[in-house]
Amino acid sequence: MKWVAPLSDTEIQTLTDMQRFHPSRRARMRAHGLLLSHQGFSLRRIAAVYQVSRYAVAEWLERWQSAGLVGLYDHLVRDVLRASRQMNSTKSTSTCKSIPKI
């Protein structure tokens, strides 16, 4: 069975504040899921509360362990990388157009 590692008082307070006040519903849901895991709720029970798969809940816990709070946001890293790639491809296209053909 998978559980979140024990949370410090500061982490509990941060996740509680995130659950109550964050503008993203999904970030609030994930923060609450971590708090429930910390209280001993199983992945299956947390998944039932939010009507998601237990694999989704396991992913929340893994992302928390690897990235902390940032891991609770929706694919922030992937979106940044995608924007960076788009910007680079635009630069490459404009650079190719400016090179005269021989």
PDB file of N, CA and C in Angstrom:
ATOM      1  N   MET A   1       0.838  -1.178   0.000  1.00  0.00           N
ATOM      2  CA  MET A   1       0.000   0.000   0.000  1.00  0.00           C
ATOM      3  C   MET A   1       0.884   1.243   0.000  1.00  0.00           C
ATOM      4  N   LYS A   2       0.474   2.236  -0.729  1.00  0.00           N
ATOM      5  CA  LYS A   2       1.264   3.447  -0.884  1.00  0.00           C
ATOM      6  C   LYS A   2       0.685   4.558   0.003  1.00  0.00           C
ATOM      7  N   TRP A   3       1.572   5.241   0.693  1.00  0.00           N
ATOM      8  CA  TRP A   3       1.180   6.364   1.550  1.00  0.00           C
ATOM      9  C   TRP A   3       2.132   7.515   1.289  1.00  0.00           C
ATOM     10  N   VAL A   4       1.682   8.713   1.611  1.00  0.00           N
ATOM     11  CA  VAL A   4       2.572   9.861   1.545  1.00  0.00           C
ATOM     12  C   VAL A   4       3.525   9.773   2.743  1.00  0.00           C
ATOM     13  N   ALA A   5       4.761  10.201   2.546  1.00  0.00           N
ATOM     14  CA  ALA A   5       5.721  10.226   3.652  1.00  0.00           C
ATOM     15  C   ALA A   5       5.183  11.158   4.733  1.00  0.00           C
ATOM     16  N   PRO A   6       5.547  10.923   5.980  1.00  0.00           N
ATOM     17  CA  PRO A   6       5.049  11.798   7.051  1.00  0.00           C
ATOM     18  C   PRO A   6       5.296  13.269   6.726  1.00  0.00           C
ATOM     19  N   LEU A   7       4.284  14.077   6.964  1.00  0.00           N
ATOM     20  CA  LEU A   7       4.354  15.503   6.656  1.00  0.00           C
ATOM     21  C   LEU A   7       4.758  16.289   7.894  1.00  0.00           C
ATOM     22  N   SER A   8       5.535  17.331   7.693  1.00  0.00           N
ATOM     23  CA  SER A   8       5.893  18.223   8.797  1.00  0.00           C
ATOM     24  C   SER A   8       4.712  19.148   9.079  1.00  0.00           C
ATOM     25  N   ASP A   9       4.749  19.824  10.211  1.00  0.00           N
ATOM     26  CA  ASP A   9       3.680  20.769  10.553  1.00  0.00           C
ATOM     27  C   ASP A   9       3.561  21.875   9.509  1.00  0.00           C
ATOM     28  N   THR A  10       4.701  22.324   9.001  1.00  0.00           N
ATOM     29  CA  THR A  10       4.701  23.369   7.971  1.00  0.00           C
ATOM     30  C   THR A  10       4.050  22.864   6.692  1.00  0.00           C
ATOM     31  N   GLU A  11       4.377  21.632   6.295  1.00  0.00           N
ATOM     32  CA  GLU A  11       3.769  21.063   5.088  1.00  0.00           C
ATOM     33  C   GLU A  11       2.261  20.883   5.264  1.00  0.00           C
ATOM     34  N   ILE A  12       1.852  20.439   6.448  1.00  0.00           N
ATOM     35  CA  ILE A  12       0.417  20.281   6.718  1.00  0.00           C
ATOM     36  C   ILE A  12      -0.288  21.622   6.602  1.00  0.00           C
ATOM     37  N   GLN A  13       0.297  22.663   7.181  1.00  0.00           N
ATOM     38  CA  GLN A  13      -0.322  23.991   7.111  1.00  0.00           C
ATOM     39  C   GLN A  13      -0.364  24.506   5.674  1.00  0.00           C
ATOM     40  N   THR A  14       0.721  24.307   4.940  1.00  0.00           N
ATOM     41  CA  THR A  14       0.766  24.757   3.546  1.00  0.00           C
ATOM     42  C   THR A  14      -0.278  24.040   2.705  1.00  0.00           C
ATOM     43  N   LEU A  15      -0.379  22.712   2.874  1.00  0.00           N
ATOM     44  CA  LEU A  15      -1.369  21.950   2.111  1.00  0.00           C
ATOM     45  C   LEU A  15      -2.796  22.311   2.518  1.00  0.00           C
ATOM     46  N   THR A  16      -3.007  22.583   3.796  1.00  0.00           N
ATOM     47  CA  THR A  16      -4.332  23.002   4.267  1.00  0.00           C
ATOM     48  C   THR A  16      -4.714  24.339   3.643  1.00  0.00           C
ATOM     49  N   ASP A  17      -3.776  25.285   3.633  1.00  0.00           N
ATOM     50  CA  ASP A  17      -4.038  26.584   2.999  1.00  0.00           C
ATOM     51  C   ASP A  17      -4.293  26.417   1.507  1.00  0.00           C
ATOM     52  N   MET A  18      -3.525  25.544   0.869  1.00  0.00           N
ATOM     53  CA  MET A  18      -3.707  25.304  -0.559  1.00  0.00           C
ATOM     54  C   MET A  18      -5.091  24.701  -0.814  1.00  0.00           C
ATOM     55  N   GLN A  19      -5.488  23.771   0.024  1.00  0.00           N
ATOM     56  CA  GLN A  19      -6.792  23.136  -0.132  1.00  0.00           C
ATOM     57  C   GLN A  19      -7.923  24.159   0.007  1.00  0.00           C
ATOM     58  N   ARG A  20      -7.760  25.114   0.879  1.00  0.00           N
ATOM     59  CA  ARG A  20      -8.832  26.084   1.142  1.00  0.00           C
ATOM     60  C   ARG A  20      -8.844  27.258   0.165  1.00  0.00           C
ATOM     61  N   PHE A  21      -7.679  27.722  -0.248  1.00  0.00           N
ATOM     62  CA  PHE A  21      -7.623  29.015  -0.924  1.00  0.00           C
ATOM     63  C   PHE A  21      -7.088  29.012  -2.348  1.00  0.00           C
ATOM     64  N   HIS A  22      -6.510  27.922  -2.816  1.00  0.00           N
ATOM     65  CA  HIS A  22      -5.904  27.950  -4.153  1.00  0.00           C
ATOM     66  C   HIS A  22      -6.978  28.130  -5.221  1.00  0.00           C
ATOM     67  N   PRO A  23      -6.730  28.953  -6.244  1.00  0.00           N
ATOM     68  CA  PRO A  23      -7.747  29.179  -7.280  1.00  0.00           C
ATOM     69  C   PRO A  23      -8.029  27.950  -8.155  1.00  0.00           C
ATOM     70  N   SER A  24      -7.087  27.022  -8.250  1.00  0.00           N
ATOM     71  CA  SER A  24      -7.286  25.835  -9.085  1.00  0.00           C
ATOM     72  C   SER A  24      -7.986  24.737  -8.286  1.00  0.00           C
ATOM     73  N   ARG A  25      -9.135  24.308  -8.771  1.00  0.00           N
ATOM     74  CA  ARG A  25      -9.890  23.240  -8.107  1.00  0.00           C
ATOM     75  C   ARG A  25      -9.061  21.962  -8.038  1.00  0.00           C
ATOM     76  N   ARG A  26      -8.333  21.672  -9.098  1.00  0.00           N
ATOM     77  CA  ARG A  26      -7.550  20.439  -9.140  1.00  0.00           C
ATOM     78  C   ARG A  26      -6.381  20.481  -8.147  1.00  0.00           C
ATOM     79  N   ALA A  27      -5.749  21.625  -7.995  1.00  0.00           N
ATOM     80  CA  ALA A  27      -4.670  21.759  -7.013  1.00  0.00           C
ATOM     81  C   ALA A  27      -5.235  21.602  -5.600  1.00  0.00           C
ATOM     82  N   ARG A  28      -6.414  22.170  -5.342  1.00  0.00           N
ATOM     83  CA  ARG A  28      -7.059  22.009  -4.029  1.00  0.00           C
ATOM     84  C   ARG A  28      -7.358  20.540  -3.756  1.00  0.00           C
ATOM     85  N   MET A  29      -7.859  19.835  -4.769  1.00  0.00           N
ATOM     86  CA  MET A  29      -8.196  18.426  -4.641  1.00  0.00           C
ATOM     87  C   MET A  29      -6.943  17.596  -4.316  1.00  0.00           C
ATOM     88  N   ARG A  30      -5.863  17.849  -5.014  1.00  0.00           N
ATOM     89  CA  ARG A  30      -4.623  17.097  -4.790  1.00  0.00           C
ATOM     90  C   ARG A  30      -4.045  17.369  -3.409  1.00  0.00           C
ATOM     91  N   ALA A  31      -4.089  18.635  -2.973  1.00  0.00           N
ATOM     92  CA  ALA A  31      -3.599  18.975  -1.637  1.00  0.00           C
ATOM     93  C   ALA A  31      -4.405  18.230  -0.576  1.00  0.00           C
ATOM     94  N   HIS A  32      -5.721  18.207  -0.734  1.00  0.00           N
ATOM     95  CA  HIS A  32      -6.563  17.492   0.217  1.00  0.00           C
ATOM     96  C   HIS A  32      -6.283  15.990   0.171  1.00  0.00           C
ATOM     97  N   GLY A  33      -6.057  15.453  -1.017  1.00  0.00           N
ATOM     98  CA  GLY A  33      -5.717  14.043  -1.141  1.00  0.00           C
ATOM     99  C   GLY A  33      -4.454  13.685  -0.373  1.00  0.00           C
ATOM    100  N   LEU A  34      -3.460  14.552  -0.425  1.00  0.00           N
ATOM    101  CA  LEU A  34      -2.223  14.320   0.333  1.00  0.00           C
ATOM    102  C   LEU A  34      -2.486  14.349   1.831  1.00  0.00           C
ATOM    103  N   LEU A  35      -3.317  15.302   2.260  1.00  0.00           N
ATOM    104  CA  LEU A  35      -3.655  15.381   3.678  1.00  0.00           C
ATOM    105  C   LEU A  35      -4.411  14.127   4.126  1.00  0.00           C
ATOM    106  N   LEU A  36      -5.313  13.635   3.280  1.00  0.00           N
ATOM    107  CA  LEU A  36      -6.047  12.413   3.618  1.00  0.00           C
ATOM    108  C   LEU A  36      -5.097  11.221   3.705  1.00  0.00           C
ATOM    109  N   SER A  37      -4.140  11.146   2.795  1.00  0.00           N
ATOM    110  CA  SER A  37      -3.153  10.068   2.836  1.00  0.00           C
ATOM    111  C   SER A  37      -2.338  10.149   4.125  1.00  0.00           C
ATOM    112  N   HIS A  38      -1.965  11.344   4.492  1.00  0.00           N
ATOM    113  CA  HIS A  38      -1.211  11.556   5.732  1.00  0.00           C
ATOM    114  C   HIS A  38      -2.021  11.084   6.946  1.00  0.00           C
ATOM    115  N   GLN A  39      -3.336  11.218   6.868  1.00  0.00           N
ATOM    116  CA  GLN A  39      -4.213  10.790   7.972  1.00  0.00           C
ATOM    117  C   GLN A  39      -4.485   9.286   7.953  1.00  0.00           C
ATOM    118  N   GLY A  40      -3.974   8.581   6.926  1.00  0.00           N
ATOM    119  CA  GLY A  40      -4.110   7.141   6.895  1.00  0.00           C
ATOM    120  C   GLY A  40      -5.146   6.604   5.922  1.00  0.00           C
ATOM    121  N   PHE A  41      -5.761   7.467   5.139  1.00  0.00           N
ATOM    122  CA  PHE A  41      -6.726   7.009   4.143  1.00  0.00           C
ATOM    123  C   PHE A  41      -5.990   6.246   3.047  1.00  0.00           C
ATOM    124  N   SER A  42      -6.581   5.178   2.556  1.00  0.00           N
ATOM    125  CA  SER A  42      -5.982   4.394   1.479  1.00  0.00           C
ATOM    126  C   SER A  42      -6.164   5.113   0.143  1.00  0.00           C
ATOM    127  N   LEU A  43      -5.368   4.711  -0.829  1.00  0.00           N
ATOM    128  CA  LEU A  43      -5.509   5.280  -2.175  1.00  0.00           C
ATOM    129  C   LEU A  43      -6.927   5.053  -2.703  1.00  0.00           C
ATOM    130  N   ARG A  44      -7.451   3.876  -2.444  1.00  0.00           N
ATOM    131  CA  ARG A  44      -8.795   3.533  -2.917  1.00  0.00           C
ATOM    132  C   ARG A  44      -9.855   4.464  -2.326  1.00  0.00           C
ATOM    133  N   ARG A  45      -9.738   4.761  -1.036  1.00  0.00           N
ATOM    134  CA  ARG A  45     -10.722   5.650  -0.394  1.00  0.00           C
ATOM    135  C   ARG A  45     -10.601   7.082  -0.917  1.00  0.00           C
ATOM    136  N   ILE A  46      -9.360   7.547  -1.079  1.00  0.00           N
ATOM    137  CA  ILE A  46      -9.153   8.905  -1.605  1.00  0.00           C
ATOM    138  C   ILE A  46      -9.696   8.985  -3.033  1.00  0.00           C
ATOM    139  N   ALA A  47      -9.427   7.959  -3.817  1.00  0.00           N
ATOM    140  CA  ALA A  47      -9.924   7.921  -5.196  1.00  0.00           C
ATOM    141  C   ALA A  47     -11.450   7.938  -5.214  1.00  0.00           C
ATOM    142  N   ALA A  48     -12.085   7.234  -4.290  1.00  0.00           N
ATOM    143  CA  ALA A  48     -13.546   7.214  -4.226  1.00  0.00           C
ATOM    144  C   ALA A  48     -14.101   8.589  -3.858  1.00  0.00           C
ATOM    145  N   VAL A  49     -13.437   9.286  -2.963  1.00  0.00           N
ATOM    146  CA  VAL A  49     -13.894  10.625  -2.565  1.00  0.00           C
ATOM    147  C   VAL A  49     -13.931  11.559  -3.766  1.00  0.00           C
ATOM    148  N   TYR A  50     -12.895  11.506  -4.594  1.00  0.00           N
ATOM    149  CA  TYR A  50     -12.782  12.429  -5.729  1.00  0.00           C
ATOM    150  C   TYR A  50     -13.191  11.829  -7.070  1.00  0.00           C
ATOM    151  N   GLN A  51     -13.643  10.590  -7.040  1.00  0.00           N
ATOM    152  CA  GLN A  51     -14.100   9.906  -8.247  1.00  0.00           C
ATOM    153  C   GLN A  51     -13.030   9.918  -9.348  1.00  0.00           C
ATOM    154  N   VAL A  52     -11.836   9.530  -8.944  1.00  0.00           N
ATOM    155  CA  VAL A  52     -10.715   9.362  -9.865  1.00  0.00           C
ATOM    156  C   VAL A  52     -10.157   7.959  -9.647  1.00  0.00           C
ATOM    157  N   SER A  53      -9.246   7.533 -10.498  1.00  0.00           N
ATOM    158  CA  SER A  53      -8.646   6.213 -10.313  1.00  0.00           C
ATOM    159  C   SER A  53      -7.600   6.263  -9.197  1.00  0.00           C
ATOM    160  N   ARG A  54      -7.361   5.105  -8.613  1.00  0.00           N
ATOM    161  CA  ARG A  54      -6.324   5.071  -7.574  1.00  0.00           C
ATOM    162  C   ARG A  54      -4.946   5.319  -8.174  1.00  0.00           C
ATOM    163  N   TYR A  55      -4.812   5.064  -9.476  1.00  0.00           N
ATOM    164  CA  TYR A  55      -3.551   5.360 -10.153  1.00  0.00           C
ATOM    165  C   TYR A  55      -3.317   6.870 -10.218  1.00  0.00           C
ATOM    166  N   ALA A  56      -4.383   7.635 -10.374  1.00  0.00           N
ATOM    167  CA  ALA A  56      -4.259   9.100 -10.368  1.00  0.00           C
ATOM    168  C   ALA A  56      -3.790   9.581  -8.998  1.00  0.00           C
ATOM    169  N   VAL A  57      -4.362   9.012  -7.951  1.00  0.00           N
ATOM    170  CA  VAL A  57      -3.958   9.395  -6.593  1.00  0.00           C
ATOM    171  C   VAL A  57      -2.500   9.009  -6.357  1.00  0.00           C
ATOM    172  N   ALA A  58      -2.105   7.826  -6.814  1.00  0.00           N
ATOM    173  CA  ALA A  58      -0.704   7.407  -6.674  1.00  0.00           C
ATOM    174  C   ALA A  58       0.220   8.386  -7.391  1.00  0.00           C
ATOM    175  N   GLU A  59      -0.220   8.883  -8.543  1.00  0.00           N
ATOM    176  CA  GLU A  59       0.575   9.873  -9.292  1.00  0.00           C
ATOM    177  C   GLU A  59       0.721  11.167  -8.495  1.00  0.00           C
ATOM    178  N   TRP A  60      -0.346  11.593  -7.807  1.00  0.00           N
ATOM    179  CA  TRP A  60      -0.260  12.798  -6.970  1.00  0.00           C
ATOM    180  C   TRP A  60       0.822  12.615  -5.916  1.00  0.00           C
ATOM    181  N   LEU A  61       0.808  11.442  -5.266  1.00  0.00           N
ATOM    182  CA  LEU A  61       1.789  11.186  -4.206  1.00  0.00           C
ATOM    183  C   LEU A  61       3.210  11.159  -4.764  1.00  0.00           C
ATOM    184  N   GLU A  62       3.386  10.537  -5.918  1.00  0.00           N
ATOM    185  CA  GLU A  62       4.715  10.490  -6.533  1.00  0.00           C
ATOM    186  C   GLU A  62       5.194  11.884  -6.923  1.00  0.00           C
ATOM    187  N   ARG A  63       4.278  12.681  -7.481  1.00  0.00           N
ATOM    188  CA  ARG A  63       4.656  14.036  -7.882  1.00  0.00           C
ATOM    189  C   ARG A  63       4.981  14.890  -6.663  1.00  0.00           C
ATOM    190  N   TRP A  64       4.272  14.690  -5.562  1.00  0.00           N
ATOM    191  CA  TRP A  64       4.573  15.406  -4.317  1.00  0.00           C
ATOM    192  C   TRP A  64       5.971  15.026  -3.833  1.00  0.00           C
ATOM    193  N   GLN A  65       6.274  13.722  -3.852  1.00  0.00           N
ATOM    194  CA  GLN A  65       7.583  13.260  -3.391  1.00  0.00           C
ATOM    195  C   GLN A  65       8.716  13.803  -4.254  1.00  0.00           C
ATOM    196  N   SER A  66       8.498  13.883  -5.555  1.00  0.00           N
ATOM    197  CA  SER A  66       9.578  14.298  -6.456  1.00  0.00           C
ATOM    198  C   SER A  66       9.680  15.809  -6.649  1.00  0.00           C
ATOM    199  N   ALA A  67       8.544  16.517  -6.607  1.00  0.00           N
ATOM    200  CA  ALA A  67       8.580  17.950  -6.941  1.00  0.00           C
ATOM    201  C   ALA A  67       7.971  18.862  -5.881  1.00  0.00           C
ATOM    202  N   GLY A  68       7.428  18.313  -4.825  1.00  0.00           N
ATOM    203  CA  GLY A  68       6.814  19.151  -3.796  1.00  0.00           C
ATOM    204  C   GLY A  68       5.539  19.815  -4.303  1.00  0.00           C
ATOM    205  N   LEU A  69       5.303  21.035  -3.873  1.00  0.00           N
ATOM    206  CA  LEU A  69       4.073  21.750  -4.253  1.00  0.00           C
ATOM    207  C   LEU A  69       3.914  21.886  -5.758  1.00  0.00           C
ATOM    208  N   VAL A  70       4.992  22.093  -6.457  1.00  0.00           N
ATOM    209  CA  VAL A  70       4.928  22.255  -7.910  1.00  0.00           C
ATOM    210  C   VAL A  70       4.324  21.012  -8.558  1.00  0.00           C
ATOM    211  N   GLY A  71       4.561  19.857  -7.963  1.00  0.00           N
ATOM    212  CA  GLY A  71       4.013  18.623  -8.495  1.00  0.00           C
ATOM    213  C   GLY A  71       2.503  18.528  -8.434  1.00  0.00           C
ATOM    214  N   LEU A  72       1.869  19.392  -7.642  1.00  0.00           N
ATOM    215  CA  LEU A  72       0.413  19.357  -7.518  1.00  0.00           C
ATOM    216  C   LEU A  72      -0.287  20.183  -8.593  1.00  0.00           C
ATOM    217  N   TYR A  73       0.472  20.969  -9.330  1.00  0.00           N
ATOM    218  CA  TYR A  73      -0.116  21.777 -10.395  1.00  0.00           C
ATOM    219  C   TYR A  73      -0.245  20.958 -11.669  1.00  0.00           C
ATOM    220  N   ASP A  74      -1.108  21.387 -12.558  1.00  0.00           N
ATOM    221  CA  ASP A  74      -1.357  20.679 -13.806  1.00  0.00           C
ATOM    222  C   ASP A  74      -0.195  20.826 -14.774  1.00  0.00           C
ATOM    223  N   HIS A  75       0.636  19.832 -14.860  1.00  0.00           N
ATOM    224  CA  HIS A  75       1.670  19.710 -15.888  1.00  0.00           C
ATOM    225  C   HIS A  75       2.420  21.009 -16.149  1.00  0.00           C
ATOM    226  N   LEU A  76       2.767  21.708 -15.121  1.00  0.00           N
ATOM    227  CA  LEU A  76       3.460  22.985 -15.259  1.00  0.00           C
ATOM    228  C   LEU A  76       4.749  22.820 -16.047  1.00  0.00           C
ATOM    229  N   VAL A  77       5.525  21.832 -15.715  1.00  0.00           N
ATOM    230  CA  VAL A  77       6.812  21.633 -16.384  1.00  0.00           C
ATOM    231  C   VAL A  77       6.593  21.314 -17.858  1.00  0.00           C
ATOM    232  N   ARG A  78       5.623  20.447 -18.148  1.00  0.00           N
ATOM    233  CA  ARG A  78       5.360  20.072 -19.532  1.00  0.00           C
ATOM    234  C   ARG A  78       4.915  21.291 -20.341  1.00  0.00           C
ATOM    235  N   ASP A  79       4.078  22.150 -19.750  1.00  0.00           N
ATOM    236  CA  ASP A  79       3.621  23.342 -20.455  1.00  0.00           C
ATOM    237  C   ASP A  79       4.762  24.311 -20.728  1.00  0.00           C
ATOM    238  N   VAL A  80       5.670  24.451 -19.771  1.00  0.00           N
ATOM    239  CA  VAL A  80       6.824  25.336 -19.964  1.00  0.00           C
ATOM    240  C   VAL A  80       7.713  24.791 -21.076  1.00  0.00           C
ATOM    241  N   LEU A  81       7.955  23.476 -21.060  1.00  0.00           N
ATOM    242  CA  LEU A  81       8.781  22.880 -22.112  1.00  0.00           C
ATOM    243  C   LEU A  81       8.124  23.028 -23.477  1.00  0.00           C
ATOM    244  N   ARG A  82       6.810  22.846 -23.537  1.00  0.00           N
ATOM    245  CA  ARG A  82       6.096  22.977 -24.806  1.00  0.00           C
ATOM    246  C   ARG A  82       6.216  24.417 -25.332  1.00  0.00           C
ATOM    247  N   ALA A  83       6.054  25.400 -24.464  1.00  0.00           N
ATOM    248  CA  ALA A  83       6.173  26.795 -24.881  1.00  0.00           C
ATOM    249  C   ALA A  83       7.587  27.092 -25.359  1.00  0.00           C
ATOM    250  N   SER A  84       8.568  26.535 -24.662  1.00  0.00           N
ATOM    251  CA  SER A  84       9.965  26.739 -25.054  1.00  0.00           C
ATOM    252  C   SER A  84      10.238  26.136 -26.437  1.00  0.00           C
ATOM    253  N   ARG A  85       9.717  24.933 -26.671  1.00  0.00           N
ATOM    254  CA  ARG A  85       9.908  24.294 -27.977  1.00  0.00           C
ATOM    255  C   ARG A  85       9.253  25.098 -29.093  1.00  0.00           C
ATOM    256  N   GLN A  86       8.056  25.602 -28.818  1.00  0.00           N
ATOM    257  CA  GLN A  86       7.353  26.389 -29.834  1.00  0.00           C
ATOM    258  C   GLN A  86       8.139  27.656 -30.153  1.00  0.00           C
ATOM    259  N   MET A  87       8.671  28.291 -29.117  1.00  0.00           N
ATOM    260  CA  MET A  87       9.428  29.511 -29.332  1.00  0.00           C
ATOM    261  C   MET A  87      10.692  29.208 -30.138  1.00  0.00           C
ATOM    262  N   ASN A  88      11.362  28.110 -29.819  1.00  0.00           N
ATOM    263  CA  ASN A  88      12.577  27.730 -30.545  1.00  0.00           C
ATOM    264  C   ASN A  88      12.271  27.363 -31.989  1.00  0.00           C
ATOM    265  N   SER A  89      11.164  26.686 -32.243  1.00  0.00           N
ATOM    266  CA  SER A  89      10.837  26.318 -33.621  1.00  0.00           C
ATOM    267  C   SER A  89      10.475  27.556 -34.434  1.00  0.00           C
ATOM    268  N   THR A  90       9.845  28.527 -33.792  1.00  0.00           N
ATOM    269  CA  THR A  90       9.523  29.783 -34.476  1.00  0.00           C
ATOM    270  C   THR A  90      10.812  30.518 -34.839  1.00  0.00           C
ATOM    271  N   LYS A  91      11.773  30.538 -33.912  1.00  0.00           N
ATOM    272  CA  LYS A  91      13.060  31.179 -34.184  1.00  0.00           C
ATOM    273  C   LYS A  91      13.776  30.461 -35.318  1.00  0.00           C
ATOM    274  N   SER A  92      13.746  29.138 -35.313  1.00  0.00           N
ATOM    275  CA  SER A  92      14.419  28.356 -36.359  1.00  0.00           C
ATOM    276  C   SER A  92      13.804  28.634 -37.715  1.00  0.00           C
ATOM    277  N   THR A  93      12.477  28.707 -37.761  1.00  0.00           N
ATOM    278  CA  THR A  93      11.790  28.968 -39.024  1.00  0.00           C
ATOM    279  C   THR A  93      12.138  30.352 -39.551  1.00  0.00           C
ATOM    280  N   SER A  94      12.135  31.353 -38.672  1.00  0.00           N
ATOM    281  CA  SER A  94      12.450  32.704 -39.125  1.00  0.00           C
ATOM    282  C   SER A  94      13.921  32.816 -39.530  1.00  0.00           C
ATOM    283  N   THR A  95      14.805  32.080 -38.845  1.00  0.00           N
ATOM    284  CA  THR A  95      16.221  32.092 -39.199  1.00  0.00           C
ATOM    285  C   THR A  95      16.425  31.454 -40.561  1.00  0.00           C
ATOM    286  N   CYS A  96      15.725  30.351 -40.816  1.00  0.00           N
ATOM    287  CA  CYS A  96      15.855  29.668 -42.132  1.00  0.00           C
ATOM    288  C   CYS A  96      15.344  30.549 -43.247  1.00  0.00           C
ATOM    289  N   LYS A  97      14.295  31.295 -43.025  1.00  0.00           N
ATOM    290  CA  LYS A  97      13.729  32.163 -44.049  1.00  0.00           C
ATOM    291  C   LYS A  97      14.670  33.323 -44.357  1.00  0.00           C
ATOM    292  N   SER A  98      15.449  33.737 -43.376  1.00  0.00           N
ATOM    293  CA  SER A  98      16.330  34.887 -43.620  1.00  0.00           C
ATOM    294  C   SER A  98      17.633  34.495 -44.317  1.00  0.00           C
ATOM    295  N   ILE A  99      17.950  33.214 -44.369  1.00  0.00           N
ATOM    296  CA  ILE A  99      19.174  32.759 -45.029  1.00  0.00           C
ATOM    297  C   ILE A  99      18.886  32.668 -46.533  1.00  0.00           C
ATOM    298  N   PRO A 100      19.673  33.359 -47.327  1.00  0.00           N
ATOM    299  CA  PRO A 100      19.418  33.307 -48.788  1.00  0.00           C
ATOM    300  C   PRO A 100      19.728  31.937 -49.362  1.00  0.00           C
ATOM    301  N   LYS A 101      18.944  31.531 -50.342  1.00  0.00           N
ATOM    302  CA  LYS A 101      19.164  30.253 -51.000  1.00  0.00           C
ATOM    303  C   LYS A 101      20.200  30.452 -52.106  1.00  0.00           C
ATOM    304  N   ILE A 102      21.031  29.494 -52.272  1.00  0.00           N
ATOM    305  CA  ILE A 102      22.088  29.577 -53.294  1.00  0.00           C
ATOM    306  C   ILE A 102      21.690  28.781 -54.511  1.00  0.00           C
TER     307      ILE A 102
END
